[in-house]
N, C-alpha and C. Protein backbone atom coordinates (compact mmCIF):
# COMPACT_ATOMS: atom_id res chain seq x y z
N MET A 1 4.29 -16.38 17.08
CA MET A 1 4.58 -16.49 15.65
C MET A 1 4.07 -15.24 14.93
N HIS A 2 4.88 -14.77 13.96
CA HIS A 2 4.50 -13.63 13.13
C HIS A 2 3.19 -13.95 12.43
N VAL A 3 2.29 -12.95 12.31
CA VAL A 3 0.97 -13.19 11.72
C VAL A 3 1.11 -13.76 10.32
N GLN A 4 2.01 -13.18 9.51
CA GLN A 4 2.15 -13.65 8.14
C GLN A 4 2.73 -15.06 8.07
N GLU A 5 3.68 -15.37 8.94
CA GLU A 5 4.24 -16.73 8.97
C GLU A 5 3.17 -17.75 9.31
N TRP A 6 2.26 -17.36 10.21
CA TRP A 6 1.17 -18.27 10.57
C TRP A 6 0.22 -18.45 9.40
N LEU A 7 -0.07 -17.34 8.68
CA LEU A 7 -0.98 -17.41 7.55
C LEU A 7 -0.43 -18.31 6.44
N GLU A 8 0.90 -18.40 6.32
CA GLU A 8 1.51 -19.24 5.29
C GLU A 8 1.21 -20.72 5.50
N THR A 9 0.87 -21.10 6.71
CA THR A 9 0.59 -22.51 7.00
C THR A 9 -0.89 -22.85 6.78
N VAL A 10 -1.70 -21.85 6.43
CA VAL A 10 -3.15 -22.03 6.30
C VAL A 10 -3.52 -22.14 4.82
N PRO A 11 -4.41 -23.08 4.44
CA PRO A 11 -4.88 -23.19 3.05
C PRO A 11 -5.53 -21.89 2.57
N ALA A 12 -5.51 -21.67 1.24
CA ALA A 12 -6.05 -20.43 0.68
C ALA A 12 -7.50 -20.19 1.07
N VAL A 13 -8.33 -21.24 1.01
CA VAL A 13 -9.75 -21.10 1.35
C VAL A 13 -9.91 -20.63 2.80
N ALA A 14 -9.07 -21.17 3.67
CA ALA A 14 -9.13 -20.78 5.08
C ALA A 14 -8.70 -19.33 5.27
N VAL A 15 -7.73 -18.87 4.46
CA VAL A 15 -7.29 -17.48 4.54
C VAL A 15 -8.44 -16.55 4.14
N TYR A 16 -9.14 -16.89 3.04
CA TYR A 16 -10.29 -16.09 2.61
C TYR A 16 -11.33 -16.01 3.72
N ALA A 17 -11.64 -17.18 4.29
CA ALA A 17 -12.66 -17.24 5.34
C ALA A 17 -12.23 -16.47 6.58
N LEU A 18 -10.95 -16.60 6.95
CA LEU A 18 -10.43 -15.91 8.14
C LEU A 18 -10.52 -14.40 7.97
N VAL A 19 -10.09 -13.91 6.81
CA VAL A 19 -10.13 -12.47 6.55
C VAL A 19 -11.56 -11.95 6.60
N GLY A 20 -12.47 -12.65 5.90
CA GLY A 20 -13.86 -12.22 5.90
C GLY A 20 -14.48 -12.25 7.28
N LEU A 21 -14.17 -13.30 8.06
CA LEU A 21 -14.75 -13.44 9.39
C LEU A 21 -14.23 -12.38 10.36
N VAL A 22 -12.90 -12.19 10.39
CA VAL A 22 -12.31 -11.23 11.33
C VAL A 22 -12.78 -9.81 11.02
N ILE A 23 -12.76 -9.43 9.73
CA ILE A 23 -13.20 -8.09 9.36
C ILE A 23 -14.70 -7.93 9.62
N GLY A 24 -15.47 -9.00 9.37
CA GLY A 24 -16.90 -8.95 9.63
C GLY A 24 -17.21 -8.75 11.10
N LEU A 25 -16.51 -9.49 11.96
CA LEU A 25 -16.73 -9.36 13.40
C LEU A 25 -16.28 -8.00 13.91
N GLU A 26 -15.17 -7.49 13.36
CA GLU A 26 -14.70 -6.16 13.76
C GLU A 26 -15.73 -5.10 13.36
N SER A 27 -16.26 -5.21 12.13
CA SER A 27 -17.24 -4.25 11.65
C SER A 27 -18.55 -4.35 12.43
N LEU A 28 -18.84 -5.54 12.93
CA LEU A 28 -20.05 -5.76 13.72
C LEU A 28 -19.98 -5.05 15.07
N GLY A 29 -18.74 -4.83 15.55
CA GLY A 29 -18.58 -4.12 16.83
C GLY A 29 -17.68 -4.82 17.82
N ILE A 30 -17.00 -5.90 17.38
CA ILE A 30 -16.10 -6.64 18.27
C ILE A 30 -14.67 -6.20 17.99
N PRO A 31 -13.93 -5.73 19.00
CA PRO A 31 -12.56 -5.24 18.78
C PRO A 31 -11.61 -6.36 18.34
N LEU A 32 -11.28 -6.40 17.06
CA LEU A 32 -10.36 -7.40 16.49
C LEU A 32 -9.40 -6.70 15.52
N PRO A 33 -8.22 -7.28 15.28
CA PRO A 33 -7.21 -6.65 14.40
C PRO A 33 -7.48 -6.91 12.92
N GLY A 34 -8.62 -6.45 12.41
CA GLY A 34 -8.98 -6.71 11.02
C GLY A 34 -7.98 -6.14 10.03
N GLU A 35 -7.49 -4.92 10.29
CA GLU A 35 -6.55 -4.28 9.37
C GLU A 35 -5.24 -5.05 9.28
N ILE A 36 -4.74 -5.53 10.41
CA ILE A 36 -3.49 -6.28 10.42
C ILE A 36 -3.64 -7.59 9.65
N ILE A 37 -4.75 -8.29 9.85
CA ILE A 37 -5.01 -9.54 9.14
C ILE A 37 -5.10 -9.28 7.64
N LEU A 38 -5.77 -8.19 7.24
CA LEU A 38 -5.92 -7.87 5.82
C LEU A 38 -4.58 -7.54 5.17
N VAL A 39 -3.78 -6.71 5.83
CA VAL A 39 -2.47 -6.35 5.30
C VAL A 39 -1.58 -7.58 5.17
N SER A 40 -1.56 -8.42 6.19
CA SER A 40 -0.74 -9.63 6.16
C SER A 40 -1.18 -10.57 5.04
N SER A 41 -2.48 -10.72 4.85
CA SER A 41 -3.00 -11.63 3.82
C SER A 41 -2.70 -11.10 2.43
N ALA A 42 -2.80 -9.78 2.24
CA ALA A 42 -2.49 -9.20 0.93
C ALA A 42 -1.02 -9.36 0.60
N LEU A 43 -0.15 -9.20 1.59
CA LEU A 43 1.28 -9.43 1.38
C LEU A 43 1.55 -10.89 1.06
N LEU A 44 0.85 -11.76 1.75
CA LEU A 44 1.01 -13.19 1.51
C LEU A 44 0.58 -13.55 0.09
N ALA A 45 -0.50 -12.94 -0.39
CA ALA A 45 -0.99 -13.19 -1.74
C ALA A 45 0.03 -12.76 -2.79
N SER A 46 0.78 -11.71 -2.49
CA SER A 46 1.78 -11.22 -3.45
C SER A 46 2.98 -12.16 -3.55
N GLN A 47 3.14 -13.05 -2.57
CA GLN A 47 4.27 -13.98 -2.56
C GLN A 47 3.87 -15.39 -2.99
N HIS A 48 2.60 -15.73 -2.84
CA HIS A 48 2.14 -17.09 -3.12
C HIS A 48 0.97 -17.05 -4.10
N GLY A 49 1.15 -17.75 -5.22
CA GLY A 49 0.13 -17.76 -6.26
C GLY A 49 -1.14 -18.47 -5.87
N ASP A 50 -1.10 -19.25 -4.78
CA ASP A 50 -2.30 -19.98 -4.36
C ASP A 50 -3.41 -19.05 -3.88
N ILE A 51 -3.05 -17.88 -3.42
CA ILE A 51 -4.04 -16.94 -2.89
C ILE A 51 -4.35 -15.89 -3.95
N ASP A 52 -5.60 -15.85 -4.38
CA ASP A 52 -6.05 -14.91 -5.41
C ASP A 52 -6.40 -13.58 -4.75
N PRO A 53 -5.69 -12.48 -5.12
CA PRO A 53 -5.97 -11.19 -4.48
C PRO A 53 -7.38 -10.67 -4.75
N VAL A 54 -7.95 -11.04 -5.91
CA VAL A 54 -9.31 -10.60 -6.23
C VAL A 54 -10.31 -11.24 -5.27
N ILE A 55 -10.15 -12.56 -5.07
CA ILE A 55 -11.04 -13.27 -4.14
C ILE A 55 -10.82 -12.76 -2.72
N LEU A 56 -9.55 -12.52 -2.37
CA LEU A 56 -9.23 -12.01 -1.03
C LEU A 56 -9.89 -10.66 -0.79
N GLY A 57 -9.76 -9.75 -1.78
CA GLY A 57 -10.38 -8.43 -1.65
C GLY A 57 -11.89 -8.52 -1.58
N ALA A 58 -12.47 -9.45 -2.36
CA ALA A 58 -13.92 -9.62 -2.35
C ALA A 58 -14.41 -10.13 -1.00
N CYS A 59 -13.67 -11.08 -0.42
CA CYS A 59 -14.04 -11.62 0.90
C CYS A 59 -13.93 -10.55 1.97
N ALA A 60 -12.86 -9.74 1.90
CA ALA A 60 -12.67 -8.66 2.88
C ALA A 60 -13.80 -7.64 2.75
N THR A 61 -14.15 -7.29 1.50
CA THR A 61 -15.21 -6.32 1.27
C THR A 61 -16.56 -6.85 1.75
N ALA A 62 -16.83 -8.12 1.42
CA ALA A 62 -18.10 -8.73 1.86
C ALA A 62 -18.19 -8.78 3.38
N GLY A 63 -17.08 -9.15 4.03
CA GLY A 63 -17.06 -9.19 5.49
C GLY A 63 -17.34 -7.82 6.09
N ALA A 64 -16.72 -6.78 5.51
CA ALA A 64 -16.90 -5.42 6.01
C ALA A 64 -18.35 -4.97 5.86
N ILE A 65 -18.94 -5.21 4.70
CA ILE A 65 -20.31 -4.75 4.42
C ILE A 65 -21.33 -5.53 5.26
N ILE A 66 -21.19 -6.86 5.28
CA ILE A 66 -22.13 -7.69 6.03
C ILE A 66 -22.02 -7.42 7.53
N GLY A 67 -20.78 -7.34 8.03
CA GLY A 67 -20.57 -7.08 9.46
C GLY A 67 -21.17 -5.76 9.89
N ASP A 68 -20.96 -4.72 9.08
CA ASP A 68 -21.52 -3.41 9.40
C ASP A 68 -23.04 -3.44 9.38
N SER A 69 -23.60 -4.17 8.42
CA SER A 69 -25.06 -4.25 8.31
C SER A 69 -25.68 -4.95 9.52
N ILE A 70 -25.03 -6.02 9.96
CA ILE A 70 -25.51 -6.73 11.16
C ILE A 70 -25.39 -5.82 12.37
N GLY A 71 -24.26 -5.10 12.46
CA GLY A 71 -24.07 -4.16 13.56
C GLY A 71 -25.14 -3.08 13.57
N TYR A 72 -25.51 -2.60 12.38
CA TYR A 72 -26.57 -1.59 12.27
C TYR A 72 -27.89 -2.15 12.80
N ALA A 73 -28.22 -3.39 12.38
CA ALA A 73 -29.49 -4.00 12.82
C ALA A 73 -29.51 -4.20 14.33
N ILE A 74 -28.38 -4.64 14.88
CA ILE A 74 -28.29 -4.84 16.33
C ILE A 74 -28.42 -3.51 17.07
N GLY A 75 -27.73 -2.48 16.56
CA GLY A 75 -27.80 -1.16 17.19
C GLY A 75 -29.18 -0.56 17.12
N ARG A 76 -29.87 -0.74 15.99
CA ARG A 76 -31.22 -0.20 15.84
C ARG A 76 -32.20 -0.87 16.80
N LYS A 77 -32.00 -2.17 17.00
CA LYS A 77 -32.89 -2.91 17.90
C LYS A 77 -32.53 -2.69 19.37
N GLY A 78 -31.25 -2.63 19.66
CA GLY A 78 -30.80 -2.51 21.06
C GLY A 78 -30.86 -1.11 21.61
N GLY A 79 -30.65 -0.11 20.74
CA GLY A 79 -30.71 1.28 21.18
C GLY A 79 -29.65 1.64 22.20
N ARG A 80 -29.92 2.66 23.00
CA ARG A 80 -28.96 3.14 24.00
C ARG A 80 -28.56 2.08 25.02
N PRO A 81 -29.48 1.22 25.46
CA PRO A 81 -29.08 0.18 26.42
C PRO A 81 -27.95 -0.70 25.88
N LEU A 82 -27.93 -0.88 24.56
CA LEU A 82 -26.86 -1.68 23.95
C LEU A 82 -25.51 -1.02 24.17
N LEU A 83 -25.43 0.30 23.99
CA LEU A 83 -24.17 1.02 24.18
C LEU A 83 -23.72 0.92 25.64
N ALA A 84 -24.67 0.99 26.56
CA ALA A 84 -24.33 0.86 27.98
C ALA A 84 -23.78 -0.53 28.28
N TRP A 85 -24.39 -1.54 27.65
CA TRP A 85 -23.94 -2.93 27.85
C TRP A 85 -22.54 -3.13 27.27
N LEU A 86 -22.30 -2.56 26.07
CA LEU A 86 -20.99 -2.67 25.45
C LEU A 86 -19.94 -1.93 26.28
N GLY A 87 -20.34 -0.81 26.87
CA GLY A 87 -19.41 -0.06 27.71
C GLY A 87 -18.98 -0.86 28.93
N ALA A 88 -19.90 -1.66 29.46
CA ALA A 88 -19.58 -2.51 30.61
C ALA A 88 -18.69 -3.67 30.22
N LYS A 89 -18.91 -4.22 29.02
CA LYS A 89 -18.14 -5.38 28.55
C LYS A 89 -16.78 -4.98 27.99
N PHE A 90 -16.74 -3.87 27.24
CA PHE A 90 -15.50 -3.41 26.61
C PHE A 90 -15.24 -1.95 26.97
N PRO A 91 -14.90 -1.68 28.23
CA PRO A 91 -14.75 -0.29 28.69
C PRO A 91 -13.67 0.50 27.95
N ARG A 92 -12.65 -0.18 27.46
CA ARG A 92 -11.56 0.52 26.77
C ARG A 92 -12.00 1.00 25.39
N HIS A 93 -12.93 0.31 24.77
CA HIS A 93 -13.35 0.66 23.43
C HIS A 93 -14.69 1.39 23.39
N PHE A 94 -15.60 1.07 24.33
CA PHE A 94 -16.93 1.65 24.32
C PHE A 94 -17.17 2.51 25.56
N SER A 95 -16.17 3.26 25.97
CA SER A 95 -16.34 4.17 27.11
C SER A 95 -17.28 5.30 26.71
N GLU A 96 -17.78 6.03 27.71
CA GLU A 96 -18.69 7.15 27.44
C GLU A 96 -18.02 8.20 26.56
N GLY A 97 -16.72 8.40 26.79
CA GLY A 97 -16.00 9.39 25.99
C GLY A 97 -15.88 8.99 24.54
N HIS A 98 -15.56 7.72 24.29
CA HIS A 98 -15.45 7.24 22.92
C HIS A 98 -16.80 7.32 22.21
N ILE A 99 -17.84 6.93 22.90
CA ILE A 99 -19.18 6.97 22.31
C ILE A 99 -19.57 8.42 21.99
N ALA A 100 -19.25 9.34 22.92
CA ALA A 100 -19.57 10.76 22.70
C ALA A 100 -18.84 11.30 21.47
N THR A 101 -17.56 10.93 21.33
CA THR A 101 -16.77 11.38 20.18
C THR A 101 -17.35 10.85 18.88
N ALA A 102 -17.65 9.54 18.86
CA ALA A 102 -18.22 8.93 17.66
C ALA A 102 -19.58 9.53 17.32
N GLU A 103 -20.38 9.80 18.36
CA GLU A 103 -21.72 10.34 18.14
C GLU A 103 -21.65 11.74 17.55
N ARG A 104 -20.72 12.54 18.03
CA ARG A 104 -20.57 13.89 17.48
C ARG A 104 -20.16 13.83 16.02
N SER A 105 -19.29 12.86 15.68
CA SER A 105 -18.87 12.69 14.29
C SER A 105 -20.06 12.33 13.41
N PHE A 106 -20.93 11.45 13.92
CA PHE A 106 -22.09 11.02 13.15
C PHE A 106 -23.07 12.18 12.95
N LYS A 107 -23.28 12.95 14.00
CA LYS A 107 -24.24 14.06 13.90
C LYS A 107 -23.72 15.15 12.97
N LYS A 108 -22.41 15.32 12.91
CA LYS A 108 -21.82 16.36 12.07
C LYS A 108 -21.71 15.93 10.62
N TRP A 109 -21.27 14.66 10.40
CA TRP A 109 -20.96 14.22 9.05
C TRP A 109 -21.98 13.26 8.44
N GLY A 110 -22.87 12.70 9.26
CA GLY A 110 -23.88 11.79 8.73
C GLY A 110 -23.29 10.55 8.08
N MET A 111 -23.73 10.27 6.85
CA MET A 111 -23.29 9.05 6.17
C MET A 111 -21.80 9.07 5.85
N TRP A 112 -21.20 10.27 5.78
CA TRP A 112 -19.76 10.33 5.54
C TRP A 112 -18.97 9.77 6.73
N ALA A 113 -19.57 9.83 7.91
CA ALA A 113 -18.90 9.26 9.08
C ALA A 113 -18.80 7.74 8.94
N VAL A 114 -19.82 7.13 8.33
CA VAL A 114 -19.78 5.69 8.08
C VAL A 114 -18.70 5.38 7.05
N PHE A 115 -18.65 6.18 5.98
CA PHE A 115 -17.68 5.95 4.91
C PHE A 115 -16.24 6.11 5.42
N PHE A 116 -15.94 7.29 6.00
CA PHE A 116 -14.58 7.55 6.45
C PHE A 116 -14.23 6.79 7.73
N GLY A 117 -15.26 6.34 8.46
CA GLY A 117 -15.00 5.55 9.66
C GLY A 117 -14.27 4.26 9.36
N ARG A 118 -14.38 3.78 8.12
CA ARG A 118 -13.65 2.58 7.70
C ARG A 118 -12.15 2.72 7.88
N PHE A 119 -11.66 3.93 7.76
CA PHE A 119 -10.21 4.16 7.75
C PHE A 119 -9.65 4.49 9.12
N VAL A 120 -10.52 4.51 10.14
CA VAL A 120 -10.09 4.79 11.51
C VAL A 120 -10.42 3.59 12.38
N ALA A 121 -9.41 3.03 13.04
CA ALA A 121 -9.57 1.77 13.76
C ALA A 121 -10.77 1.75 14.69
N LEU A 122 -10.90 2.77 15.54
CA LEU A 122 -11.97 2.75 16.54
C LEU A 122 -13.34 2.99 15.91
N LEU A 123 -13.42 3.92 14.96
CA LEU A 123 -14.70 4.20 14.32
C LEU A 123 -15.18 3.02 13.49
N ARG A 124 -14.24 2.19 13.02
CA ARG A 124 -14.62 1.00 12.26
C ARG A 124 -15.46 0.06 13.13
N ILE A 125 -15.18 0.04 14.42
CA ILE A 125 -15.93 -0.80 15.35
C ILE A 125 -17.29 -0.16 15.67
N PHE A 126 -17.32 1.18 15.76
CA PHE A 126 -18.53 1.90 16.16
C PHE A 126 -19.55 2.05 15.05
N ALA A 127 -19.08 2.19 13.80
CA ALA A 127 -19.93 2.68 12.72
C ALA A 127 -21.28 2.00 12.61
N GLY A 128 -21.29 0.67 12.47
CA GLY A 128 -22.55 -0.04 12.29
C GLY A 128 -23.51 0.11 13.47
N PRO A 129 -23.09 -0.32 14.68
CA PRO A 129 -24.00 -0.22 15.82
C PRO A 129 -24.48 1.19 16.12
N LEU A 130 -23.56 2.18 16.04
CA LEU A 130 -23.95 3.55 16.38
C LEU A 130 -24.90 4.13 15.35
N ALA A 131 -24.70 3.79 14.07
CA ALA A 131 -25.62 4.27 13.03
C ALA A 131 -27.02 3.73 13.29
N GLY A 132 -27.10 2.49 13.77
CA GLY A 132 -28.40 1.91 14.11
C GLY A 132 -29.03 2.57 15.32
N VAL A 133 -28.22 2.80 16.34
CA VAL A 133 -28.72 3.44 17.56
C VAL A 133 -29.25 4.84 17.25
N LEU A 134 -28.54 5.58 16.38
CA LEU A 134 -28.94 6.94 16.04
C LEU A 134 -30.03 6.97 14.96
N ARG A 135 -30.48 5.78 14.55
CA ARG A 135 -31.58 5.66 13.58
C ARG A 135 -31.27 6.36 12.27
N MET A 136 -30.05 6.24 11.79
CA MET A 136 -29.72 6.76 10.46
C MET A 136 -30.56 6.00 9.42
N PRO A 137 -31.17 6.68 8.46
CA PRO A 137 -31.95 5.98 7.43
C PRO A 137 -31.11 4.88 6.79
N TYR A 138 -31.70 3.69 6.65
CA TYR A 138 -30.91 2.54 6.21
C TYR A 138 -30.33 2.74 4.81
N TRP A 139 -31.05 3.42 3.92
CA TRP A 139 -30.53 3.57 2.56
C TRP A 139 -29.25 4.42 2.55
N LYS A 140 -29.22 5.43 3.43
CA LYS A 140 -28.00 6.23 3.54
C LYS A 140 -26.86 5.40 4.11
N PHE A 141 -27.19 4.65 5.16
CA PHE A 141 -26.17 3.80 5.77
C PHE A 141 -25.64 2.78 4.76
N LEU A 142 -26.53 2.17 4.00
CA LEU A 142 -26.14 1.12 3.06
C LEU A 142 -25.21 1.66 1.98
N ILE A 143 -25.53 2.84 1.44
CA ILE A 143 -24.66 3.44 0.41
C ILE A 143 -23.26 3.69 0.96
N ALA A 144 -23.20 4.33 2.14
CA ALA A 144 -21.90 4.64 2.75
C ALA A 144 -21.17 3.36 3.14
N ASN A 145 -21.92 2.37 3.62
CA ASN A 145 -21.34 1.10 4.04
C ASN A 145 -20.72 0.37 2.86
N VAL A 146 -21.46 0.26 1.76
CA VAL A 146 -20.97 -0.45 0.58
C VAL A 146 -19.75 0.26 -0.03
N LEU A 147 -19.87 1.58 -0.23
CA LEU A 147 -18.76 2.33 -0.81
C LEU A 147 -17.53 2.29 0.08
N GLY A 148 -17.74 2.47 1.40
CA GLY A 148 -16.62 2.43 2.34
C GLY A 148 -15.96 1.06 2.36
N GLY A 149 -16.77 0.00 2.34
CA GLY A 149 -16.23 -1.35 2.35
C GLY A 149 -15.40 -1.65 1.11
N ILE A 150 -15.89 -1.21 -0.06
CA ILE A 150 -15.16 -1.44 -1.30
C ILE A 150 -13.84 -0.68 -1.32
N VAL A 151 -13.91 0.61 -0.98
CA VAL A 151 -12.71 1.45 -1.03
C VAL A 151 -11.68 1.01 0.00
N TRP A 152 -12.12 0.74 1.25
CA TRP A 152 -11.17 0.37 2.29
C TRP A 152 -10.63 -1.05 2.11
N ALA A 153 -11.52 -2.03 2.08
CA ALA A 153 -11.07 -3.43 2.00
C ALA A 153 -10.47 -3.75 0.64
N GLY A 154 -11.20 -3.42 -0.43
CA GLY A 154 -10.68 -3.70 -1.77
C GLY A 154 -9.45 -2.88 -2.08
N GLY A 155 -9.48 -1.59 -1.72
CA GLY A 155 -8.34 -0.72 -1.99
C GLY A 155 -7.10 -1.12 -1.22
N THR A 156 -7.26 -1.45 0.05
CA THR A 156 -6.12 -1.88 0.86
C THR A 156 -5.49 -3.15 0.28
N THR A 157 -6.33 -4.10 -0.10
CA THR A 157 -5.83 -5.35 -0.68
C THR A 157 -5.05 -5.07 -1.95
N ALA A 158 -5.61 -4.25 -2.84
CA ALA A 158 -4.96 -3.96 -4.12
C ALA A 158 -3.63 -3.24 -3.92
N VAL A 159 -3.62 -2.21 -3.07
CA VAL A 159 -2.40 -1.42 -2.87
C VAL A 159 -1.29 -2.28 -2.27
N ILE A 160 -1.61 -3.00 -1.19
CA ILE A 160 -0.59 -3.82 -0.53
C ILE A 160 -0.10 -4.93 -1.45
N TYR A 161 -1.01 -5.53 -2.21
CA TYR A 161 -0.64 -6.61 -3.13
C TYR A 161 0.33 -6.12 -4.20
N TYR A 162 0.01 -5.01 -4.86
CA TYR A 162 0.86 -4.51 -5.94
C TYR A 162 2.17 -3.93 -5.44
N VAL A 163 2.15 -3.33 -4.27
CA VAL A 163 3.41 -2.88 -3.67
C VAL A 163 4.30 -4.08 -3.38
N GLY A 164 3.68 -5.16 -2.90
CA GLY A 164 4.44 -6.39 -2.63
C GLY A 164 5.05 -6.97 -3.89
N ILE A 165 4.32 -6.92 -5.01
CA ILE A 165 4.84 -7.44 -6.27
C ILE A 165 6.04 -6.61 -6.74
N VAL A 166 5.88 -5.28 -6.71
CA VAL A 166 6.94 -4.38 -7.16
C VAL A 166 8.18 -4.49 -6.28
N ALA A 167 7.96 -4.65 -4.98
CA ALA A 167 9.07 -4.67 -4.01
C ALA A 167 9.48 -6.09 -3.64
N GLU A 168 9.39 -7.01 -4.60
CA GLU A 168 9.65 -8.42 -4.28
C GLU A 168 11.03 -8.67 -3.69
N SER A 169 12.03 -7.91 -4.14
CA SER A 169 13.39 -8.14 -3.67
C SER A 169 13.56 -7.86 -2.18
N TRP A 170 12.76 -6.94 -1.64
CA TRP A 170 12.86 -6.65 -0.20
C TRP A 170 11.55 -6.87 0.50
N LEU A 171 10.75 -7.82 -0.02
CA LEU A 171 9.41 -8.07 0.49
C LEU A 171 9.40 -8.52 1.94
N LYS A 172 10.39 -9.32 2.31
CA LYS A 172 10.39 -9.82 3.68
C LYS A 172 10.51 -8.67 4.66
N ARG A 173 11.37 -7.75 4.33
CA ARG A 173 11.52 -6.59 5.21
C ARG A 173 10.26 -5.74 5.18
N PHE A 174 9.64 -5.61 4.01
CA PHE A 174 8.44 -4.80 3.89
C PHE A 174 7.28 -5.37 4.69
N SER A 175 7.22 -6.72 4.75
CA SER A 175 6.10 -7.32 5.48
C SER A 175 6.11 -6.86 6.93
N TRP A 176 7.32 -6.78 7.50
CA TRP A 176 7.41 -6.27 8.86
C TRP A 176 7.00 -4.80 8.91
N LEU A 177 7.52 -4.02 7.93
CA LEU A 177 7.20 -2.60 7.91
C LEU A 177 5.71 -2.37 7.70
N GLY A 178 5.10 -3.20 6.84
CA GLY A 178 3.67 -3.07 6.58
C GLY A 178 2.85 -3.30 7.84
N LEU A 179 3.23 -4.33 8.57
CA LEU A 179 2.50 -4.65 9.80
C LEU A 179 2.72 -3.57 10.86
N VAL A 180 3.98 -3.13 10.97
CA VAL A 180 4.28 -2.07 11.94
C VAL A 180 3.51 -0.80 11.59
N LEU A 181 3.47 -0.47 10.28
CA LEU A 181 2.74 0.72 9.84
C LEU A 181 1.26 0.61 10.17
N ALA A 182 0.68 -0.58 9.91
CA ALA A 182 -0.75 -0.79 10.20
C ALA A 182 -1.02 -0.61 11.69
N VAL A 183 -0.13 -1.18 12.52
CA VAL A 183 -0.30 -1.06 13.97
C VAL A 183 -0.18 0.39 14.41
N LEU A 184 0.83 1.10 13.87
CA LEU A 184 1.04 2.49 14.24
C LEU A 184 -0.15 3.36 13.85
N ILE A 185 -0.71 3.13 12.67
CA ILE A 185 -1.88 3.89 12.23
C ILE A 185 -3.04 3.65 13.18
N GLY A 186 -3.25 2.36 13.51
CA GLY A 186 -4.35 2.02 14.41
C GLY A 186 -4.17 2.63 15.79
N VAL A 187 -2.94 2.52 16.34
CA VAL A 187 -2.68 3.05 17.68
C VAL A 187 -2.81 4.57 17.69
N THR A 188 -2.25 5.22 16.65
CA THR A 188 -2.32 6.68 16.58
C THR A 188 -3.76 7.17 16.53
N SER A 189 -4.57 6.53 15.68
CA SER A 189 -5.97 6.95 15.57
C SER A 189 -6.71 6.75 16.88
N MET A 190 -6.40 5.66 17.58
CA MET A 190 -7.06 5.40 18.85
C MET A 190 -6.64 6.42 19.91
N LEU A 191 -5.35 6.80 19.90
CA LEU A 191 -4.87 7.79 20.87
C LEU A 191 -5.52 9.15 20.62
N VAL A 192 -5.65 9.53 19.33
CA VAL A 192 -6.29 10.80 19.00
C VAL A 192 -7.74 10.80 19.45
N LEU A 193 -8.44 9.70 19.16
CA LEU A 193 -9.84 9.61 19.56
C LEU A 193 -9.97 9.59 21.09
N LYS A 194 -9.02 8.94 21.75
CA LYS A 194 -9.07 8.88 23.21
C LYS A 194 -8.92 10.27 23.81
N ARG A 195 -8.03 11.06 23.20
CA ARG A 195 -7.83 12.43 23.69
C ARG A 195 -9.09 13.26 23.47
N LYS A 196 -9.72 13.09 22.28
CA LYS A 196 -10.95 13.83 22.00
C LYS A 196 -12.09 13.34 22.89
N ALA A 197 -12.06 12.04 23.20
CA ALA A 197 -13.12 11.46 24.02
C ALA A 197 -13.11 12.06 25.42
N LYS A 198 -11.92 12.29 25.96
CA LYS A 198 -11.83 12.86 27.29
C LYS A 198 -12.45 14.25 27.33
N LYS A 199 -12.25 15.01 26.23
CA LYS A 199 -12.82 16.36 26.17
C LYS A 199 -14.33 16.30 26.00
N ALA A 200 -14.81 15.21 25.41
CA ALA A 200 -16.25 15.11 25.14
C ALA A 200 -17.05 14.77 26.39
N VAL A 201 -16.39 14.18 27.38
CA VAL A 201 -17.10 13.80 28.61
C VAL A 201 -17.21 15.01 29.52
N PRO A 202 -18.41 15.39 29.89
CA PRO A 202 -18.58 16.57 30.77
C PRO A 202 -17.96 16.33 32.14
N GLU A 203 -17.41 17.39 32.69
CA GLU A 203 -16.82 17.29 34.01
C GLU A 203 -17.90 17.03 35.05
N PRO A 204 -17.64 16.17 36.04
CA PRO A 204 -18.65 15.91 37.06
C PRO A 204 -18.96 17.14 37.89
N VAL A 205 -20.21 17.33 38.22
CA VAL A 205 -20.63 18.48 38.99
C VAL A 205 -20.48 18.19 40.49
N THR A 206 -19.79 19.07 41.18
CA THR A 206 -19.57 18.85 42.61
C THR A 206 -20.75 19.38 43.40
N ALA A 207 -20.84 18.96 44.64
CA ALA A 207 -21.97 19.34 45.50
C ALA A 207 -22.02 20.84 45.74
N GLY A 208 -20.87 21.50 45.73
CA GLY A 208 -20.83 22.92 46.03
C GLY A 208 -21.22 23.80 44.86
N ASP A 209 -21.31 23.20 43.61
CA ASP A 209 -21.62 24.00 42.43
C ASP A 209 -23.09 24.35 42.37
């Protein structure tokens, strides 16, 4: 079943809770389709008056901020062994190459990596735990986390909602395009990071070297 068609069968309160939970878990470090759920819910809100876009955006923002904060606390406590454990459990997302790429971004950009990481599918999963592992000062992390959560979650909800209102005559077609666009953005960002990750992993040293 199409994500949006499924969401139409769910009460408004459950939609708010689902969006907040999925985005929170994704921000915490669990690979989930938070962006797709958010886009679908915002489109749904533009078609059905039962779903308040302000409440939806607030739940998405809260989920993003809280999830990232929990991820930061877990990363700070778990340290490097946590990254090794995640790499064993989720090798496609927490490989050595991906971690190296994300770590270089954090060392170069600092708190801006947390802020802009919201807009990149893979970095959205890494941001909280990696910031904790790298012992980024919490006040810096919190500022970037809150601002990034508001701009990404609240901004995405607002943009998709108002585009849906304006494009009501072709909204059904747009819902498919919106979801396809979200998936393409996520896949593209992951492919770019994967390519950079391969370059970040040092070549193995042979016995003859």
